[in-house]
Every structure is written in C-alpha cells, then in structure tokens.
C-alpha cells in the first residue's frame, strides 16, 4: 500500500489529454491499488491517473455503495438527461461548485486485465464517472462550474 502525492492545480499534467493504456501488467495492477489507497486516504470518491502525475487513461471511482470501479481507456458511449449538483476535486482542495452533468451515462472501458466491459450509471455515480473521464481528457471541473460555493454554504 502506497499513498501517492495528489497533484494540485495548477500543473500541466492536469490539463493534458492522457495516453491510452496498452500494457496490462503487474505495474498497472499496483498503480490501481496505490490510486485506490490514495483516494480512500484523501476521502475522495474518484481519482484519475493525471492527479497522481501519470498521463494515462486510468481512473478509479467508488460512489453510491457500488464498490470500486476501475476504468481504463474509458469512453462515454451514451449520455442522457441532466443533473446539476455540487462537485469538488482532490486537485482543488476546498473548492466546490455546481456542475451540470448527464443524469445517465453508458461507458465502455477495460479492467486491469484488459477485458472490455460496459457500465451504465445514473445519478451521483454517473456524475463521478464523468468527472474522472474529464480528467483523462485534460478537462477540469472548474471549466464547467456554473456557481461556486463559499465554505460556509457547505456546512
């Protein structure tokens, strides 16, 4: 178990589209575990590889009691509906704002062994997945915020 350093904004790696993962090996499995441990230690619900300084299409999400979901080379196949809600980001400590997202997403990704799977998500899980996939494309939630919150508003 290793807790990795979370990259804070501003840092170019956070705004750079990531490379596809081609090697599904023990290094990938270790990175996924380290990312998961880092996310849990930081009290997050998602973490993308660029947030730990690695420009690869790798993200982890654990939201709504769905357990850990590893997303490697994820692509949103379908998005429907709209939800607007508060988001934060481990790379932007103490910054929160309303972000519009699709209510439903259908995503194709690979697992740690390279096996392709399709996942459907709604609500908060869909929000978290979209946030992490944005990271892999170099898109930060701050570019989508419609309203920022003062810290007192979040109490």
C-alpha atoms as a PDB file:
ATOM      1  CA  UNK A   1       0.000   0.000   0.000  1.00  0.00           C
ATOM      2  CA  UNK A   2       1.411   3.333  -1.069  1.00  0.00           C
ATOM      3  CA  UNK A   3      -0.206   6.711  -0.710  1.00  0.00           C
ATOM      4  CA  UNK A   4       0.704   8.780  -3.755  1.00  0.00           C
ATOM      5  CA  UNK A   5       1.076  12.557  -3.864  1.00  0.00           C
ATOM      6  CA  UNK A   6      -2.021  14.215  -5.314  1.00  0.00           C
ATOM      7  CA  UNK A   7      -1.097  16.843  -7.896  1.00  0.00           C
ATOM      8  CA  UNK A   8      -2.690  20.212  -7.178  1.00  0.00           C
ATOM      9  CA  UNK A   9      -3.746  22.812  -9.741  1.00  0.00           C
ATOM     10  CA  UNK A  10      -2.001  24.496 -11.492  1.00  0.00           C
ATOM     11  CA  UNK A  11       0.013  21.699 -13.097  1.00  0.00           C
ATOM     12  CA  UNK A  12       0.199  20.968 -16.833  1.00  0.00           C
ATOM     13  CA  UNK A  13      -0.448  17.227 -16.365  1.00  0.00           C
ATOM     14  CA  UNK A  14      -3.972  18.059 -15.172  1.00  0.00           C
ATOM     15  CA  UNK A  15      -4.844  19.804 -18.448  1.00  0.00           C
ATOM     16  CA  UNK A  16      -3.181  17.388 -20.865  1.00  0.00           C
ATOM     17  CA  UNK A  17      -5.173  14.639 -22.614  1.00  0.00           C
ATOM     18  CA  UNK A  18      -3.892  11.251 -21.445  1.00  0.00           C
ATOM     19  CA  UNK A  19      -2.405   8.402 -23.476  1.00  0.00           C
ATOM     20  CA  UNK A  20      -4.228   5.094 -23.867  1.00  0.00           C
ATOM     21  CA  UNK A  21      -3.087   2.195 -21.707  1.00  0.00           C
ATOM     22  CA  UNK A  22      -1.529  -0.541 -23.827  1.00  0.00           C
ATOM     23  CA  UNK A  23       0.224  -2.680 -21.183  1.00  0.00           C
ATOM     24  CA  UNK A  24      -1.972  -4.603 -18.764  1.00  0.00           C
ATOM     25  CA  UNK A  25       0.719  -5.844 -16.393  1.00  0.00           C
ATOM     26  CA  UNK A  26       1.654  -6.018 -12.704  1.00  0.00           C
ATOM     27  CA  UNK A  27       2.730  -2.354 -12.744  1.00  0.00           C
ATOM     28  CA  UNK A  28      -0.812  -1.385 -13.768  1.00  0.00           C
ATOM     29  CA  UNK A  29      -2.338  -3.542 -11.019  1.00  0.00           C
ATOM     30  CA  UNK A  30      -0.025  -1.924  -8.428  1.00  0.00           C
ATOM     31  CA  UNK A  31      -0.825   1.578  -9.726  1.00  0.00           C
ATOM     32  CA  UNK A  32      -4.575   0.897  -9.493  1.00  0.00           C
ATOM     33  CA  UNK A  33      -4.183  -0.281  -5.885  1.00  0.00           C
ATOM     34  CA  UNK A  34      -1.998   2.695  -4.968  1.00  0.00           C
ATOM     35  CA  UNK A  35      -4.509   5.059  -6.596  1.00  0.00           C
ATOM     36  CA  UNK A  36      -7.343   3.418  -4.680  1.00  0.00           C
ATOM     37  CA  UNK A  37      -5.482   3.675  -1.368  1.00  0.00           C
ATOM     38  CA  UNK A  38      -4.662   7.318  -2.130  1.00  0.00           C
ATOM     39  CA  UNK A  39      -8.294   8.114  -2.978  1.00  0.00           C
ATOM     40  CA  UNK A  40      -9.570   6.487   0.227  1.00  0.00           C
ATOM     41  CA  UNK A  41      -6.930   8.233   2.370  1.00  0.00           C
ATOM     42  CA  UNK A  42      -7.961  11.583   0.828  1.00  0.00           C
ATOM     43  CA  UNK A  43     -11.668  10.833   1.425  1.00  0.00           C
ATOM     44  CA  UNK A  44     -12.436  11.036  -2.307  1.00  0.00           C
ATOM     45  CA  UNK A  45     -14.949   9.180  -4.472  1.00  0.00           C
ATOM     46  CA  UNK A  46     -12.783   9.181  -7.600  1.00  0.00           C
ATOM     47  CA  UNK A  47      -9.199   9.614  -8.731  1.00  0.00           C
ATOM     48  CA  UNK A  48      -7.651   9.839 -12.189  1.00  0.00           C
ATOM     49  CA  UNK A  49      -4.054   8.981 -13.056  1.00  0.00           C
ATOM     50  CA  UNK A  50      -3.097  12.550 -14.030  1.00  0.00           C
ATOM     51  CA  UNK A  51      -3.970  13.567 -10.461  1.00  0.00           C
ATOM     52  CA  UNK A  52      -1.010  11.461  -9.331  1.00  0.00           C
ATOM     53  CA  UNK A  53       1.221  12.708 -12.156  1.00  0.00           C
ATOM     54  CA  UNK A  54       0.641   9.881 -14.647  1.00  0.00           C
ATOM     55  CA  UNK A  55      -0.704  10.862 -18.063  1.00  0.00           C
ATOM     56  CA  UNK A  56      -2.538   7.598 -18.766  1.00  0.00           C
ATOM     57  CA  UNK A  57      -6.252   6.844 -19.245  1.00  0.00           C
ATOM     58  CA  UNK A  58      -6.765   5.279 -15.837  1.00  0.00           C
ATOM     59  CA  UNK A  59      -9.396   6.249 -13.266  1.00  0.00           C
ATOM     60  CA  UNK A  60     -10.995   4.761 -10.182  1.00  0.00           C
ATOM     61  CA  UNK A  61     -14.462   5.543  -8.844  1.00  0.00           C
ATOM     62  CA  UNK A  62     -16.188   4.341  -5.687  1.00  0.00           C
ATOM     63  CA  UNK A  63     -19.560   6.018  -5.147  1.00  0.00           C
ATOM     64  CA  UNK A  64     -23.077   5.126  -4.018  1.00  0.00           C
ATOM     65  CA  UNK A  65     -22.043   1.801  -2.436  1.00  0.00           C
ATOM     66  CA  UNK A  66     -21.225   0.376  -5.876  1.00  0.00           C
ATOM     67  CA  UNK A  67     -17.762  -0.769  -4.820  1.00  0.00           C
ATOM     68  CA  UNK A  68     -14.529   0.081  -6.569  1.00  0.00           C
ATOM     69  CA  UNK A  69     -14.756   0.555 -10.331  1.00  0.00           C
ATOM     70  CA  UNK A  70     -11.516   0.589 -12.324  1.00  0.00           C
ATOM     71  CA  UNK A  71     -11.862   2.464 -15.617  1.00  0.00           C
ATOM     72  CA  UNK A  72      -9.057   2.006 -18.127  1.00  0.00           C
ATOM     73  CA  UNK A  73      -9.335   3.690 -21.537  1.00  0.00           C
ATOM     74  CA  UNK A  74     -12.957   4.675 -20.792  1.00  0.00           C
ATOM     75  CA  UNK A  75     -15.252   6.143 -23.448  1.00  0.00           C
ATOM     76  CA  UNK A  76     -18.742   7.547 -22.888  1.00  0.00           C
ATOM     77  CA  UNK A  77     -20.985   5.792 -25.428  1.00  0.00           C
ATOM     78  CA  UNK A  78     -24.224   7.472 -24.434  1.00  0.00           C
ATOM     79  CA  UNK A  79     -25.297  10.316 -22.148  1.00  0.00           C
ATOM     80  CA  UNK A  80     -28.883  11.365 -21.366  1.00  0.00           C
ATOM     81  CA  UNK A  81     -30.743  13.747 -19.125  1.00  0.00           C
ATOM     82  CA  UNK A  82     -29.294  16.428 -16.924  1.00  0.00           C
ATOM     83  CA  UNK A  83     -28.427  16.895 -13.290  1.00  0.00           C
ATOM     84  CA  UNK A  84     -26.774  19.862 -11.626  1.00  0.00           C
ATOM     85  CA  UNK A  85     -25.022  19.404  -8.325  1.00  0.00           C
ATOM     86  CA  UNK A  86     -22.012  20.261  -6.212  1.00  0.00           C
ATOM     87  CA  UNK A  87     -18.605  18.874  -7.109  1.00  0.00           C
ATOM     88  CA  UNK A  88     -15.180  19.127  -5.613  1.00  0.00           C
ATOM     89  CA  UNK A  89     -11.835  17.756  -6.728  1.00  0.00           C
ATOM     90  CA  UNK A  90      -8.843  16.416  -4.845  1.00  0.00           C
ATOM     91  CA  UNK A  91      -6.623  18.567  -7.083  1.00  0.00           C
ATOM     92  CA  UNK A  92      -8.525  21.709  -5.975  1.00  0.00           C
ATOM     93  CA  UNK A  93      -8.674  21.497  -2.160  1.00  0.00           C
ATOM     94  CA  UNK A  94     -11.561  23.404  -0.571  1.00  0.00           C
ATOM     95  CA  UNK A  95     -13.073  24.466  -3.910  1.00  0.00           C
ATOM     96  CA  UNK A  96     -16.652  23.408  -4.697  1.00  0.00           C
ATOM     97  CA  UNK A  97     -19.177  24.396  -7.310  1.00  0.00           C
ATOM     98  CA  UNK A  98     -22.315  23.338  -9.160  1.00  0.00           C
ATOM     99  CA  UNK A  99     -21.576  21.423 -12.352  1.00  0.00           C
ATOM    100  CA  UNK A 100     -24.138  20.279 -14.939  1.00  0.00           C
ATOM    101  CA  UNK A 101     -23.706  16.624 -15.916  1.00  0.00           C
ATOM    102  CA  UNK A 102     -25.691  13.948 -17.701  1.00  0.00           C
ATOM    103  CA  UNK A 103     -28.068  12.045 -15.386  1.00  0.00           C
ATOM    104  CA  UNK A 104     -27.280   8.764 -17.175  1.00  0.00           C
ATOM    105  CA  UNK A 105     -24.142   7.507 -18.902  1.00  0.00           C
ATOM    106  CA  UNK A 106     -23.199   4.329 -20.678  1.00  0.00           C
ATOM    107  CA  UNK A 107     -19.431   3.776 -20.637  1.00  0.00           C
ATOM    108  CA  UNK A 108     -17.127   1.282 -22.324  1.00  0.00           C
ATOM    109  CA  UNK A 109     -13.833   0.643 -20.536  1.00  0.00           C
ATOM    110  CA  UNK A 110     -11.279  -2.036 -19.801  1.00  0.00           C
ATOM    111  CA  UNK A 111     -10.474  -3.678 -16.499  1.00  0.00           C
ATOM    112  CA  UNK A 112      -6.984  -4.310 -15.089  1.00  0.00           C
ATOM    113  CA  UNK A 113      -6.621  -7.400 -17.300  1.00  0.00           C
ATOM    114  CA  UNK A 114      -7.623  -5.532 -20.459  1.00  0.00           C
ATOM    115  CA  UNK A 115     -11.078  -7.102 -20.674  1.00  0.00           C
ATOM    116  CA  UNK A 116     -13.658  -4.730 -22.177  1.00  0.00           C
ATOM    117  CA  UNK A 117     -16.840  -4.085 -20.207  1.00  0.00           C
ATOM    118  CA  UNK A 118     -19.827  -1.759 -20.499  1.00  0.00           C
ATOM    119  CA  UNK A 119     -21.200   0.067 -17.468  1.00  0.00           C
ATOM    120  CA  UNK A 120     -24.406   2.051 -17.057  1.00  0.00           C
ATOM    121  CA  UNK A 121     -24.652   4.621 -14.282  1.00  0.00           C
ATOM    122  CA  UNK A 122     -27.145   7.170 -13.033  1.00  0.00           C
ATOM    123  CA  UNK A 123     -27.154   9.978 -10.501  1.00  0.00           C
ATOM    124  CA  UNK A 124     -24.116  10.532  -8.319  1.00  0.00           C
ATOM    125  CA  UNK A 125     -22.187   7.573  -9.770  1.00  0.00           C
ATOM    126  CA  UNK A 126     -22.735   8.944 -13.293  1.00  0.00           C
ATOM    127  CA  UNK A 127     -21.513  12.351 -12.063  1.00  0.00           C
ATOM    128  CA  UNK A 128     -18.347  10.860 -10.542  1.00  0.00           C
ATOM    129  CA  UNK A 129     -17.566   8.829 -13.674  1.00  0.00           C
ATOM    130  CA  UNK A 130     -17.984  11.877 -15.925  1.00  0.00           C
ATOM    131  CA  UNK A 131     -15.739  13.951 -13.643  1.00  0.00           C
ATOM    132  CA  UNK A 132     -12.948  11.347 -13.804  1.00  0.00           C
ATOM    133  CA  UNK A 133     -13.258  10.820 -17.575  1.00  0.00           C
ATOM    134  CA  UNK A 134     -12.983  14.603 -17.987  1.00  0.00           C
ATOM    135  CA  UNK A 135      -9.648  14.416 -16.129  1.00  0.00           C
ATOM    136  CA  UNK A 136      -8.395  11.864 -18.665  1.00  0.00           C
ATOM    137  CA  UNK A 137      -9.226  14.319 -21.444  1.00  0.00           C
ATOM    138  CA  UNK A 138      -7.472  17.233 -19.716  1.00  0.00           C
ATOM    139  CA  UNK A 139     -10.779  18.885 -18.756  1.00  0.00           C
ATOM    140  CA  UNK A 140     -11.104  20.317 -15.254  1.00  0.00           C
ATOM    141  CA  UNK A 141     -14.393  20.674 -13.386  1.00  0.00           C
ATOM    142  CA  UNK A 142     -13.666  24.377 -12.935  1.00  0.00           C
ATOM    143  CA  UNK A 143     -14.287  24.865 -16.671  1.00  0.00           C
ATOM    144  CA  UNK A 144     -17.877  23.657 -16.165  1.00  0.00           C
ATOM    145  CA  UNK A 145     -18.843  25.260 -12.844  1.00  0.00           C
ATOM    146  CA  UNK A 146     -21.992  27.385 -13.026  1.00  0.00           C
ATOM    147  CA  UNK A 147     -21.812  28.611  -9.402  1.00  0.00           C
ATOM    148  CA  UNK A 148     -19.063  28.402  -6.773  1.00  0.00           C
ATOM    149  CA  UNK A 149     -19.837  27.799  -3.096  1.00  0.00           C
ATOM    150  CA  UNK A 150     -18.481  29.718  -0.144  1.00  0.00           C
ATOM    151  CA  UNK A 151     -17.098  27.322   2.507  1.00  0.00           C
ATOM    152  CA  UNK A 152     -19.884  28.354   4.931  1.00  0.00           C
ATOM    153  CA  UNK A 153     -22.548  27.252   2.418  1.00  0.00           C
ATOM    154  CA  UNK A 154     -21.247  23.678   2.540  1.00  0.00           C
ATOM    155  CA  UNK A 155     -21.542  23.242   6.306  1.00  0.00           C
END
